[in-house]
PDB file of N, CA and C in Angstrom:
ATOM      1  N   MET A   1       0.852  -1.161   0.000  1.00  0.00           N
ATOM      2  CA  MET A   1       0.000   0.000   0.000  1.00  0.00           C
ATOM      3  C   MET A   1       0.908   1.236   0.000  1.00  0.00           C
ATOM      4  N   HIS A   2       0.622   2.152  -0.865  1.00  0.00           N
ATOM      5  CA  HIS A   2       1.429   3.360  -1.019  1.00  0.00           C
ATOM      6  C   HIS A   2       1.268   4.263   0.202  1.00  0.00           C
ATOM      7  N   TRP A   3       2.299   5.065   0.502  1.00  0.00           N
ATOM      8  CA  TRP A   3       2.274   5.928   1.684  1.00  0.00           C
ATOM      9  C   TRP A   3       1.091   6.889   1.656  1.00  0.00           C
ATOM     10  N   PHE A   4       0.704   7.344   0.453  1.00  0.00           N
ATOM     11  CA  PHE A   4      -0.404   8.293   0.346  1.00  0.00           C
ATOM     12  C   PHE A   4      -1.696   7.682   0.867  1.00  0.00           C
ATOM     13  N   TRP A   5      -1.962   6.432   0.506  1.00  0.00           N
ATOM     14  CA  TRP A   5      -3.200   5.790   0.939  1.00  0.00           C
ATOM     15  C   TRP A   5      -3.161   5.459   2.413  1.00  0.00           C
ATOM     16  N   ARG A   6      -1.981   5.078   2.925  1.00  0.00           N
ATOM     17  CA  ARG A   6      -1.865   4.845   4.372  1.00  0.00           C
ATOM     18  C   ARG A   6      -2.149   6.136   5.128  1.00  0.00           C
ATOM     19  N   ALA A   7      -1.601   7.269   4.650  1.00  0.00           N
ATOM     20  CA  ALA A   7      -1.835   8.557   5.300  1.00  0.00           C
ATOM     21  C   ALA A   7      -3.302   8.966   5.190  1.00  0.00           C
ATOM     22  N   THR A   8      -3.923   8.719   4.040  1.00  0.00           N
ATOM     23  CA  THR A   8      -5.333   9.058   3.848  1.00  0.00           C
ATOM     24  C   THR A   8      -6.217   8.277   4.811  1.00  0.00           C
ATOM     25  N   ILE A   9      -5.956   6.994   4.971  1.00  0.00           N
ATOM     26  CA  ILE A   9      -6.738   6.168   5.898  1.00  0.00           C
ATOM     27  C   ILE A   9      -6.534   6.651   7.328  1.00  0.00           C
ATOM     28  N   ALA A  10      -5.284   7.010   7.680  1.00  0.00           N
ATOM     29  CA  ALA A  10      -5.003   7.495   9.035  1.00  0.00           C
ATOM     30  C   ALA A  10      -5.714   8.814   9.305  1.00  0.00           C
ATOM     31  N   VAL A  11      -5.709   9.728   8.335  1.00  0.00           N
ATOM     32  CA  VAL A  11      -6.404  11.015   8.507  1.00  0.00           C
ATOM     33  C   VAL A  11      -7.907  10.794   8.613  1.00  0.00           C
ATOM     34  N   ALA A  12      -8.450   9.903   7.808  1.00  0.00           N
ATOM     35  CA  ALA A  12      -9.886   9.613   7.885  1.00  0.00           C
ATOM     36  C   ALA A  12     -10.255   9.044   9.253  1.00  0.00           C
ATOM     37  N   ALA A  13      -9.414   8.161   9.793  1.00  0.00           N
ATOM     38  CA  ALA A  13      -9.678   7.610  11.128  1.00  0.00           C
ATOM     39  C   ALA A  13      -9.626   8.718  12.173  1.00  0.00           C
ATOM     40  N   GLY A  14      -8.653   9.628  12.040  1.00  0.00           N
ATOM     41  CA  GLY A  14      -8.557  10.745  12.978  1.00  0.00           C
ATOM     42  C   GLY A  14      -9.753  11.669  12.907  1.00  0.00           C
ATOM     43  N   VAL A  15     -10.217  11.959  11.690  1.00  0.00           N
ATOM     44  CA  VAL A  15     -11.385  12.840  11.519  1.00  0.00           C
ATOM     45  C   VAL A  15     -12.634  12.186  12.099  1.00  0.00           C
ATOM     46  N   LEU A  16     -12.820  10.901  11.847  1.00  0.00           N
ATOM     47  CA  LEU A  16     -13.976  10.202  12.421  1.00  0.00           C
ATOM     48  C   LEU A  16     -13.932  10.219  13.942  1.00  0.00           C
ATOM     49  N   CYS A  17     -12.749  10.029  14.496  1.00  0.00           N
ATOM     50  CA  CYS A  17     -12.590  10.072  15.950  1.00  0.00           C
ATOM     51  C   CYS A  17     -12.905  11.470  16.475  1.00  0.00           C
ATOM     52  N   TYR A  18     -12.452  12.494  15.774  1.00  0.00           N
ATOM     53  CA  TYR A  18     -12.699  13.878  16.191  1.00  0.00           C
ATOM     54  C   TYR A  18     -14.194  14.198  16.159  1.00  0.00           C
ATOM     55  N   VAL A  19     -14.855  13.787  15.094  1.00  0.00           N
ATOM     56  CA  VAL A  19     -16.299  14.032  14.982  1.00  0.00           C
ATOM     57  C   VAL A  19     -17.050  13.294  16.089  1.00  0.00           C
ATOM     58  N   ALA A  20     -16.633  12.066  16.377  1.00  0.00           N
ATOM     59  CA  ALA A  20     -17.280  11.308  17.450  1.00  0.00           C
ATOM     60  C   ALA A  20     -17.059  11.977  18.800  1.00  0.00           C
ATOM     61  N   CYS A  21     -15.819  12.421  19.066  1.00  0.00           N
ATOM     62  CA  CYS A  21     -15.525  13.094  20.344  1.00  0.00           C
ATOM     63  C   CYS A  21     -16.328  14.384  20.486  1.00  0.00           C
ATOM     64  N   LEU A  22     -16.380  15.178  19.418  1.00  0.00           N
ATOM     65  CA  LEU A  22     -17.148  16.425  19.496  1.00  0.00           C
ATOM     66  C   LEU A  22     -18.641  16.164  19.621  1.00  0.00           C
ATOM     67  N   GLY A  23     -19.114  15.116  18.977  1.00  0.00           N
ATOM     68  CA  GLY A  23     -20.530  14.778  19.111  1.00  0.00           C
ATOM     69  C   GLY A  23     -20.874  14.380  20.532  1.00  0.00           C
ATOM     70  N   ILE A  24     -20.021  13.574  21.150  1.00  0.00           N
ATOM     71  CA  ILE A  24     -20.260  13.164  22.535  1.00  0.00           C
ATOM     72  C   ILE A  24     -20.169  14.373  23.462  1.00  0.00           C
ATOM     73  N   PHE A  25     -19.124  15.199  23.254  1.00  0.00           N
ATOM     74  CA  PHE A  25     -18.977  16.381  24.107  1.00  0.00           C
ATOM     75  C   PHE A  25     -20.123  17.366  23.895  1.00  0.00           C
ATOM     76  N   GLY A  26     -20.534  17.551  22.645  1.00  0.00           N
ATOM     77  CA  GLY A  26     -21.640  18.465  22.367  1.00  0.00           C
ATOM     78  C   GLY A  26     -22.924  18.032  23.050  1.00  0.00           C
ATOM     79  N   TYR A  27     -23.186  16.726  23.041  1.00  0.00           N
ATOM     80  CA  TYR A  27     -24.372  16.204  23.707  1.00  0.00           C
ATOM     81  C   TYR A  27     -24.288  16.421  25.214  1.00  0.00           C
ATOM     82  N   ILE A  28     -23.122  16.125  25.794  1.00  0.00           N
ATOM     83  CA  ILE A  28     -22.953  16.305  27.241  1.00  0.00           C
ATOM     84  C   ILE A  28     -23.055  17.787  27.604  1.00  0.00           C
ATOM     85  N   ALA A  29     -22.399  18.651  26.812  1.00  0.00           N
ATOM     86  CA  ALA A  29     -22.426  20.089  27.109  1.00  0.00           C
ATOM     87  C   ALA A  29     -23.835  20.656  26.988  1.00  0.00           C
ATOM     88  N   ALA A  30     -24.584  20.201  26.021  1.00  0.00           N
ATOM     89  CA  ALA A  30     -25.931  20.735  25.811  1.00  0.00           C
ATOM     90  C   ALA A  30     -26.909  20.255  26.877  1.00  0.00           C
ATOM     91  N   THR A  31     -26.747  19.024  27.343  1.00  0.00           N
ATOM     92  CA  THR A  31     -27.726  18.479  28.283  1.00  0.00           C
ATOM     93  C   THR A  31     -27.330  18.655  29.743  1.00  0.00           C
ATOM     94  N   ARG A  32     -26.048  18.615  30.046  1.00  0.00           N
ATOM     95  CA  ARG A  32     -25.618  18.625  31.454  1.00  0.00           C
ATOM     96  C   ARG A  32     -25.027  19.960  31.912  1.00  0.00           C
ATOM     97  N   MET A  33     -24.466  20.743  30.972  1.00  0.00           N
ATOM     98  CA  MET A  33     -23.793  21.988  31.350  1.00  0.00           C
ATOM     99  C   MET A  33     -24.301  23.145  30.496  1.00  0.00           C
ATOM    100  N   PRO A  34     -25.442  23.712  30.831  1.00  0.00           N
ATOM    101  CA  PRO A  34     -25.998  24.772  29.973  1.00  0.00           C
ATOM    102  C   PRO A  34     -25.237  26.094  30.022  1.00  0.00           C
ATOM    103  N   ASN A  35     -24.602  26.442  31.146  1.00  0.00           N
ATOM    104  CA  ASN A  35     -23.929  27.735  31.283  1.00  0.00           C
ATOM    105  C   ASN A  35     -22.418  27.561  31.377  1.00  0.00           C
ATOM    106  N   VAL A  36     -21.840  26.975  30.362  1.00  0.00           N
ATOM    107  CA  VAL A  36     -20.396  26.713  30.346  1.00  0.00           C
ATOM    108  C   VAL A  36     -19.697  27.902  29.706  1.00  0.00           C
ATOM    109  N   PRO A  37     -18.590  28.395  30.310  1.00  0.00           N
ATOM    110  CA  PRO A  37     -17.857  29.499  29.693  1.00  0.00           C
ATOM    111  C   PRO A  37     -17.223  29.090  28.369  1.00  0.00           C
ATOM    112  N   THR A  38     -17.047  30.053  27.490  1.00  0.00           N
ATOM    113  CA  THR A  38     -16.500  29.791  26.158  1.00  0.00           C
ATOM    114  C   THR A  38     -15.084  29.261  26.224  1.00  0.00           C
ATOM    115  N   TRP A  39     -14.260  29.777  27.143  1.00  0.00           N
ATOM    116  CA  TRP A  39     -12.868  29.320  27.221  1.00  0.00           C
ATOM    117  C   TRP A  39     -12.797  27.834  27.553  1.00  0.00           C
ATOM    118  N   PHE A  40     -13.766  27.373  28.365  1.00  0.00           N
ATOM    119  CA  PHE A  40     -13.784  25.954  28.711  1.00  0.00           C
ATOM    120  C   PHE A  40     -14.119  25.094  27.495  1.00  0.00           C
ATOM    121  N   LEU A  41     -15.079  25.551  26.699  1.00  0.00           N
ATOM    122  CA  LEU A  41     -15.422  24.816  25.481  1.00  0.00           C
ATOM    123  C   LEU A  41     -14.240  24.739  24.524  1.00  0.00           C
ATOM    124  N   VAL A  42     -13.514  25.851  24.379  1.00  0.00           N
ATOM    125  CA  VAL A  42     -12.335  25.862  23.511  1.00  0.00           C
ATOM    126  C   VAL A  42     -11.269  24.911  24.046  1.00  0.00           C
ATOM    127  N   ALA A  43     -11.039  24.935  25.348  1.00  0.00           N
ATOM    128  CA  ALA A  43     -10.025  24.049  25.951  1.00  0.00           C
ATOM    129  C   ALA A  43     -10.388  22.582  25.755  1.00  0.00           C
ATOM    130  N   VAL A  44     -11.656  22.253  25.922  1.00  0.00           N
ATOM    131  CA  VAL A  44     -12.078  20.859  25.742  1.00  0.00           C
ATOM    132  C   VAL A  44     -11.936  20.446  24.280  1.00  0.00           C
ATOM    133  N   ARG A  45     -12.241  21.345  23.352  1.00  0.00           N
ATOM    134  CA  ARG A  45     -12.074  21.018  21.933  1.00  0.00           C
ATOM    135  C   ARG A  45     -10.606  20.781  21.592  1.00  0.00           C
ATOM    136  N   VAL A  46      -9.712  21.544  22.205  1.00  0.00           N
ATOM    137  CA  VAL A  46      -8.280  21.331  21.977  1.00  0.00           C
ATOM    138  C   VAL A  46      -7.858  19.971  22.517  1.00  0.00           C
ATOM    139  N   VAL A  47      -8.320  19.643  23.710  1.00  0.00           N
ATOM    140  CA  VAL A  47      -7.990  18.338  24.294  1.00  0.00           C
ATOM    141  C   VAL A  47      -8.579  17.221  23.444  1.00  0.00           C
ATOM    142  N   PHE A  48      -9.828  17.367  23.021  1.00  0.00           N
ATOM    143  CA  PHE A  48     -10.428  16.368  22.146  1.00  0.00           C
ATOM    144  C   PHE A  48      -9.742  16.336  20.784  1.00  0.00           C
ATOM    145  N   GLY A  49      -9.088  17.412  20.420  1.00  0.00           N
ATOM    146  CA  GLY A  49      -8.327  17.426  19.173  1.00  0.00           C
ATOM    147  C   GLY A  49      -7.064  16.599  19.252  1.00  0.00           C
ATOM    148  N   LEU A  50      -6.532  16.408  20.442  1.00  0.00           N
ATOM    149  CA  LEU A  50      -5.336  15.576  20.597  1.00  0.00           C
ATOM    150  C   LEU A  50      -5.641  14.091  20.436  1.00  0.00           C
ATOM    151  N   VAL A  51      -6.815  13.677  20.832  1.00  0.00           N
ATOM    152  CA  VAL A  51      -7.195  12.260  20.722  1.00  0.00           C
ATOM    153  C   VAL A  51      -7.159  11.794  19.264  1.00  0.00           C
ATOM    154  N   PRO A  52      -7.770  12.513  18.306  1.00  0.00           N
ATOM    155  CA  PRO A  52      -7.704  12.055  16.919  1.00  0.00           C
ATOM    156  C   PRO A  52      -6.294  12.083  16.342  1.00  0.00           C
ATOM    157  N   VAL A  53      -5.463  13.015  16.799  1.00  0.00           N
ATOM    158  CA  VAL A  53      -4.080  13.038  16.323  1.00  0.00           C
ATOM    159  C   VAL A  53      -3.373  11.762  16.758  1.00  0.00           C
ATOM    160  N   ILE A  54      -3.565  11.379  18.000  1.00  0.00           N
ATOM    161  CA  ILE A  54      -2.955  10.141  18.497  1.00  0.00           C
ATOM    162  C   ILE A  54      -3.515   8.932  17.765  1.00  0.00           C
ATOM    163  N   VAL A  55      -4.830   8.923  17.525  1.00  0.00           N
ATOM    164  CA  VAL A  55      -5.443   7.818  16.774  1.00  0.00           C
ATOM    165  C   VAL A  55      -4.888   7.759  15.355  1.00  0.00           C
ATOM    166  N   GLY A  56      -4.781   8.913  14.695  1.00  0.00           N
ATOM    167  CA  GLY A  56      -4.251   8.943  13.330  1.00  0.00           C
ATOM    168  C   GLY A  56      -2.822   8.450  13.246  1.00  0.00           C
ATOM    169  N   ILE A  57      -1.978   8.887  14.183  1.00  0.00           N
ATOM    170  CA  ILE A  57      -0.583   8.434  14.187  1.00  0.00           C
ATOM    171  C   ILE A  57      -0.508   6.934  14.454  1.00  0.00           C
ATOM    172  N   THR A  58      -1.334   6.444  15.351  1.00  0.00           N
ATOM    173  CA  THR A  58      -1.341   5.014  15.647  1.00  0.00           C
ATOM    174  C   THR A  58      -1.792   4.199  14.443  1.00  0.00           C
ATOM    175  N   VAL A  59      -2.856   4.638  13.781  1.00  0.00           N
ATOM    176  CA  VAL A  59      -3.343   3.923  12.596  1.00  0.00           C
ATOM    177  C   VAL A  59      -2.286   3.924  11.502  1.00  0.00           C
ATOM    178  N   TYR A  60      -1.624   5.068  11.281  1.00  0.00           N
ATOM    179  CA  TYR A  60      -0.579   5.142  10.264  1.00  0.00           C
ATOM    180  C   TYR A  60       0.579   4.205  10.609  1.00  0.00           C
ATOM    181  N   GLY A  61       0.973   4.179  11.867  1.00  0.00           N
ATOM    182  CA  GLY A  61       2.046   3.278  12.279  1.00  0.00           C
ATOM    183  C   GLY A  61       1.690   1.819  12.082  1.00  0.00           C
ATOM    184  N   LEU A  62       0.457   1.448  12.408  1.00  0.00           N
ATOM    185  CA  LEU A  62       0.028   0.058  12.199  1.00  0.00           C
ATOM    186  C   LEU A  62      -0.031  -0.294  10.719  1.00  0.00           C
ATOM    187  N   LEU A  63      -0.501   0.647   9.896  1.00  0.00           N
ATOM    188  CA  LEU A  63      -0.547   0.381   8.455  1.00  0.00           C
ATOM    189  C   LEU A  63       0.850   0.237   7.872  1.00  0.00           C
ATOM    190  N   ILE A  64       1.783   1.053   8.337  1.00  0.00           N
ATOM    191  CA  ILE A  64       3.161   0.918   7.855  1.00  0.00           C
ATOM    192  C   ILE A  64       3.725  -0.439   8.267  1.00  0.00           C
ATOM    193  N   ARG A  65       3.437  -0.836   9.486  1.00  0.00           N
ATOM    194  CA  ARG A  65       4.006  -2.101   9.975  1.00  0.00           C
ATOM    195  C   ARG A  65       3.444  -3.312   9.239  1.00  0.00           C
ATOM    196  N   TYR A  66       2.145  -3.334   9.011  1.00  0.00           N
ATOM    197  CA  TYR A  66       1.528  -4.531   8.452  1.00  0.00           C
ATOM    198  C   TYR A  66       1.297  -4.489   6.947  1.00  0.00           C
ATOM    199  N   TYR A  67       1.336  -3.310   6.325  1.00  0.00           N
ATOM    200  CA  TYR A  67       1.116  -3.212   4.891  1.00  0.00           C
ATOM    201  C   TYR A  67       2.265  -2.514   4.186  1.00  0.00           C
ATOM    202  N   HIS A  68       3.477  -2.699   4.683  1.00  0.00           N
ATOM    203  CA  HIS A  68       4.661  -2.118   4.053  1.00  0.00           C
ATOM    204  C   HIS A  68       4.897  -2.826   2.724  1.00  0.00           C
ATOM    205  N   PRO A  69       5.187  -2.079   1.646  1.00  0.00           N
ATOM    206  CA  PRO A  69       5.340  -2.724   0.344  1.00  0.00           C
ATOM    207  C   PRO A  69       6.498  -3.723   0.288  1.00  0.00           C
ATOM    208  N   ASN A  70       7.529  -3.513   1.076  1.00  0.00           N
ATOM    209  CA  ASN A  70       8.670  -4.424   1.087  1.00  0.00           C
ATOM    210  C   ASN A  70       8.746  -5.208   2.384  1.00  0.00           C
ATOM    211  N   ARG A  71       7.613  -5.610   2.904  1.00  0.00           N
ATOM    212  CA  ARG A  71       7.576  -6.308   4.187  1.00  0.00           C
ATOM    213  C   ARG A  71       8.386  -7.587   4.167  1.00  0.00           C
ATOM    214  N   GLN A  72       8.376  -8.308   3.071  1.00  0.00           N
ATOM    215  CA  GLN A  72       9.115  -9.559   3.007  1.00  0.00           C
ATOM    216  C   GLN A  72      10.617  -9.326   2.963  1.00  0.00           C
ATOM    217  N   PHE A  73      11.049  -8.089   2.719  1.00  0.00           N
ATOM    218  CA  PHE A  73      12.472  -7.782   2.631  1.00  0.00           C
ATOM    219  C   PHE A  73      13.012  -7.175   3.923  1.00  0.00           C
ATOM    220  N   LEU A  74      12.263  -7.220   4.991  1.00  0.00           N
ATOM    221  CA  LEU A  74      12.693  -6.603   6.238  1.00  0.00           C
ATOM    222  C   LEU A  74      13.435  -7.600   7.135  1.00  0.00           C
ATOM    223  N   ASP A  75      14.154  -8.511   6.548  1.00  0.00           N
ATOM    224  CA  ASP A  75      14.854  -9.529   7.325  1.00  0.00           C
ATOM    225  C   ASP A  75      16.323  -9.192   7.556  1.00  0.00           C
ATOM    226  N   GLY A  76      16.804  -8.025   7.107  1.00  0.00           N
ATOM    227  CA  GLY A  76      18.171  -7.609   7.327  1.00  0.00           C
ATOM    228  C   GLY A  76      19.138  -8.028   6.234  1.00  0.00           C
ATOM    229  N   GLU A  77      18.674  -8.738   5.238  1.00  0.00           N
ATOM    230  CA  GLU A  77      19.530  -9.156   4.132  1.00  0.00           C
ATOM    231  C   GLU A  77      19.599  -8.052   3.079  1.00  0.00           C
ATOM    232  N   THR A  78      20.755  -7.962   2.393  1.00  0.00           N
ATOM    233  CA  THR A  78      20.875  -7.041   1.272  1.00  0.00           C
ATOM    234  C   THR A  78      20.301  -7.742   0.053  1.00  0.00           C
ATOM    235  N   ARG A  79      19.327  -7.109  -0.584  1.00  0.00           N
ATOM    236  CA  ARG A  79      18.628  -7.734  -1.701  1.00  0.00           C
ATOM    237  C   ARG A  79      18.679  -6.858  -2.941  1.00  0.00           C
ATOM    238  N   CYS A  80      18.428  -7.468  -4.066  1.00  0.00           N
ATOM    239  CA  CYS A  80      18.340  -6.755  -5.339  1.00  0.00           C
ATOM    240  C   CYS A  80      17.092  -5.879  -5.320  1.00  0.00           C
ATOM    241  N   ARG A  81      17.205  -4.647  -5.830  1.00  0.00           N
ATOM    242  CA  ARG A  81      16.052  -3.739  -5.862  1.00  0.00           C
ATOM    243  C   ARG A  81      14.974  -4.225  -6.807  1.00  0.00           C
ATOM    244  N   LYS A  82      15.380  -4.937  -7.852  1.00  0.00           N
ATOM    245  CA  LYS A  82      14.429  -5.320  -8.891  1.00  0.00           C
ATOM    246  C   LYS A  82      13.698  -6.624  -8.568  1.00  0.00           C
ATOM    247  N   CYS A  83      14.457  -7.659  -8.194  1.00  0.00           N
ATOM    248  CA  CYS A  83      13.830  -8.973  -8.034  1.00  0.00           C
ATOM    249  C   CYS A  83      13.816  -9.489  -6.595  1.00  0.00           C
ATOM    250  N   GLY A  84      14.592  -8.859  -5.686  1.00  0.00           N
ATOM    251  CA  GLY A  84      14.588  -9.292  -4.301  1.00  0.00           C
ATOM    252  C   GLY A  84      15.549 -10.421  -3.986  1.00  0.00           C
ATOM    253  N   TYR A  85      16.405 -10.780  -4.915  1.00  0.00           N
ATOM    254  CA  TYR A  85      17.376 -11.853  -4.708  1.00  0.00           C
ATOM    255  C   TYR A  85      18.377 -11.440  -3.633  1.00  0.00           C
ATOM    256  N   ILE A  86      18.733 -12.363  -2.727  1.00  0.00           N
ATOM    257  CA  ILE A  86      19.704 -12.070  -1.678  1.00  0.00           C
ATOM    258  C   ILE A  86      21.088 -11.973  -2.303  1.00  0.00           C
ATOM    259  N   LEU A  87      21.779 -10.862  -2.054  1.00  0.00           N
ATOM    260  CA  LEU A  87      23.053 -10.574  -2.714  1.00  0.00           C
ATOM    261  C   LEU A  87      24.268 -10.934  -1.857  1.00  0.00           C
ATOM    262  N   ARG A  88      24.116 -11.787  -0.889  1.00  0.00           N
ATOM    263  CA  ARG A  88      25.226 -12.186  -0.045  1.00  0.00           C
ATOM    264  C   ARG A  88      26.195 -13.067  -0.831  1.00  0.00           C
ATOM    265  N   GLY A  89      27.482 -12.705  -0.801  1.00  0.00           N
ATOM    266  CA  GLY A  89      28.512 -13.537  -1.411  1.00  0.00           C
ATOM    267  C   GLY A  89      28.671 -13.381  -2.909  1.00  0.00           C
ATOM    268  N   ILE A  90      28.126 -12.336  -3.519  1.00  0.00           N
ATOM    269  CA  ILE A  90      28.305 -12.179  -4.970  1.00  0.00           C
ATOM    270  C   ILE A  90      29.704 -11.632  -5.252  1.00  0.00           C
ATOM    271  N   SER A  91      30.222 -11.947  -6.435  1.00  0.00           N
ATOM    272  CA  SER A  91      31.585 -11.541  -6.768  1.00  0.00           C
ATOM    273  C   SER A  91      31.637 -10.345  -7.710  1.00  0.00           C
ATOM    274  N   GLU A  92      30.548  -9.995  -8.336  1.00  0.00           N
ATOM    275  CA  GLU A  92      30.532  -8.833  -9.231  1.00  0.00           C
ATOM    276  C   GLU A  92      29.310  -7.979  -8.915  1.00  0.00           C
ATOM    277  N   PRO A  93      29.336  -6.696  -9.319  1.00  0.00           N
ATOM    278  CA  PRO A  93      28.238  -5.792  -8.947  1.00  0.00           C
ATOM    279  C   PRO A  93      27.003  -5.925  -9.830  1.00  0.00           C
ATOM    280  N   ARG A  94      26.555  -7.117 -10.052  1.00  0.00           N
ATOM    281  CA  ARG A  94      25.308  -7.391 -10.779  1.00  0.00           C
ATOM    282  C   ARG A  94      24.552  -8.495 -10.066  1.00  0.00           C
ATOM    283  N   CYS A  95      23.249  -8.405 -10.150  1.00  0.00           N
ATOM    284  CA  CYS A  95      22.411  -9.457  -9.570  1.00  0.00           C
ATOM    285  C   CYS A  95      22.536 -10.706 -10.431  1.00  0.00           C
ATOM    286  N   PRO A  96      22.870 -11.857  -9.862  1.00  0.00           N
ATOM    287  CA  PRO A  96      22.976 -13.062 -10.663  1.00  0.00           C
ATOM    288  C   PRO A  96      21.618 -13.588 -11.161  1.00  0.00           C
ATOM    289  N   GLU A  97      20.553 -13.128 -10.547  1.00  0.00           N
ATOM    290  CA  GLU A  97      19.210 -13.600 -10.924  1.00  0.00           C
ATOM    291  C   GLU A  97      18.656 -12.832 -12.125  1.00  0.00           C
ATOM    292  N   CYS A  98      18.692 -11.486 -12.054  1.00  0.00           N
ATOM    293  CA  CYS A  98      18.044 -10.693 -13.104  1.00  0.00           C
ATOM    294  C   CYS A  98      19.019  -9.806 -13.884  1.00  0.00           C
ATOM    295  N   GLY A  99      20.258  -9.665 -13.418  1.00  0.00           N
ATOM    296  CA  GLY A  99      21.243  -8.862 -14.133  1.00  0.00           C
ATOM    297  C   GLY A  99      21.215  -7.377 -13.794  1.00  0.00           C
ATOM    298  N   GLU A 100      20.415  -6.972 -12.799  1.00  0.00           N
ATOM    299  CA  GLU A 100      20.348  -5.572 -12.387  1.00  0.00           C
ATOM    300  C   GLU A 100      21.683  -5.113 -11.843  1.00  0.00           C
ATOM    301  N   ARG A 101      22.131  -3.927 -12.263  1.00  0.00           N
ATOM    302  CA  ARG A 101      23.400  -3.385 -11.786  1.00  0.00           C
ATOM    303  C   ARG A 101      23.217  -2.902 -10.341  1.00  0.00           C
ATOM    304  N   ILE A 102      24.128  -3.274  -9.494  1.00  0.00           N
ATOM    305  CA  ILE A 102      24.053  -2.940  -8.064  1.00  0.00           C
ATOM    306  C   ILE A 102      24.738  -1.605  -7.832  1.00  0.00           C
TER     307      ILE A 102
END
C-alpha cells in the first residue's frame, strides 16, 4: 500500500474520531452543562483534538508495519532492488538472478 493511501486512511480515522468526540462532548455540554464558559469549550475542543491526532498516528504506524510494500524484505539481508534476490557472497556488482546493476 502506497504511503499516500496509508496517510489518507489514518487522517480519515482521525477525523472520524474527532467528529465522534465532538458529538459526545456536544451532547454532554448541551444536556448537562448549559452555562459553560467559552474558554472551557475551547479548551475541551483542543484536548479532544489531541485524541484524533494520536489515533491517526497510531493507525498510520500500524498500516506501515503490516502493509509495508517491502515487508518480506525486512529480514536484514541485502537484496536486489528489482527482483529481491539475496546478494550475499556475490563476486561482481550485478544481480545473478536478473542482471540488475548494483
